[in-house]
Amino acid sequence: MNFKKWPEVPALKTVVCKHTDAEKYVVNNALTVGKEYEVKNETEEFIFVIDNTGKVGGYYKTYFE
């Protein structure tokens, strides 16, 4: 799947952000705790969602339920 087309493709599923406590990165600017996000792509370690900036971002699965 071409990553440039991810914003237009239908969501695979939806997930809810459970925390934004990141050790190394600033995540609280792009994710909101309790908000539901559409999953555009998924790997073993990451979930790609349209975040609060309106762009597709990749985040560790530990941030979501």
Protein backbone atom coordinates (compact mmCIF):
# COMPACT_ATOMS: atom_id res chain seq x y z
CA MET A 1 0.00 0.00 0.00
CA ASN A 2 1.38 3.38 -0.98
CA PHE A 3 1.79 5.54 2.13
CA LYS A 4 0.84 8.70 0.25
CA LYS A 5 -2.70 7.34 -0.24
CA TRP A 6 -3.27 6.42 3.43
CA PRO A 7 -5.35 9.53 4.23
CA GLU A 8 -7.88 8.61 1.52
CA VAL A 9 -8.20 4.86 2.19
CA PRO A 10 -10.92 3.58 4.53
CA ALA A 11 -9.90 2.89 8.11
CA LEU A 12 -8.91 -0.64 9.07
CA LYS A 13 -10.33 -0.16 12.59
CA THR A 14 -10.53 2.45 15.31
CA VAL A 15 -8.48 2.65 18.50
CA VAL A 16 -8.65 4.80 21.63
CA CYS A 17 -5.59 6.59 23.00
CA LYS A 18 -4.99 5.43 26.58
CA HIS A 19 -1.95 7.57 27.49
CA THR A 20 0.62 10.01 26.11
CA ASP A 21 3.41 9.34 28.61
CA ALA A 22 6.39 9.06 26.29
CA GLU A 23 9.93 8.57 27.53
CA LYS A 24 11.72 9.97 24.53
CA TYR A 25 9.26 11.74 22.21
CA VAL A 26 6.66 14.50 22.52
CA VAL A 27 3.37 12.75 21.88
CA ASN A 28 0.88 14.86 23.81
CA ASN A 29 0.83 17.50 21.03
CA ALA A 30 -0.41 14.97 18.46
CA LEU A 31 -2.59 12.60 20.53
CA THR A 32 -5.33 13.20 23.08
CA VAL A 33 -6.07 10.72 25.85
CA GLY A 34 -9.54 9.20 25.43
CA LYS A 35 -9.93 10.26 21.80
CA GLU A 36 -10.74 7.68 19.13
CA TYR A 37 -8.46 7.48 16.06
CA GLU A 38 -8.86 5.69 12.72
CA VAL A 39 -6.11 3.16 11.97
CA LYS A 40 -4.80 3.55 8.43
CA ASN A 41 -2.03 0.93 8.61
CA GLU A 42 -0.49 -1.33 11.23
CA THR A 43 2.77 -3.22 11.79
CA GLU A 44 3.95 -5.43 14.63
CA GLU A 45 5.22 -2.45 16.63
CA PHE A 46 3.46 0.63 15.24
CA ILE A 47 -0.03 1.92 14.44
CA PHE A 48 -0.46 4.63 11.81
CA VAL A 49 -3.36 6.98 12.53
CA ILE A 50 -4.52 10.44 11.49
CA ASP A 51 -3.54 12.40 14.58
CA ASN A 52 -4.55 15.83 15.89
CA THR A 53 -2.35 17.57 13.30
CA GLY A 54 -4.50 16.12 10.50
CA LYS A 55 -1.63 14.07 9.10
CA VAL A 56 -0.84 10.37 9.29
CA GLY A 57 1.58 9.61 12.10
CA GLY A 58 3.11 6.36 13.33
CA TYR A 59 2.96 5.62 17.06
CA TYR A 60 3.84 2.69 19.29
CA LYS A 61 0.92 0.38 19.96
CA THR A 62 1.37 0.93 23.70
CA TYR A 63 -0.38 4.31 23.41
CA PHE A 64 -3.65 2.70 22.27
CA GLU A 65 -6.26 0.23 23.51
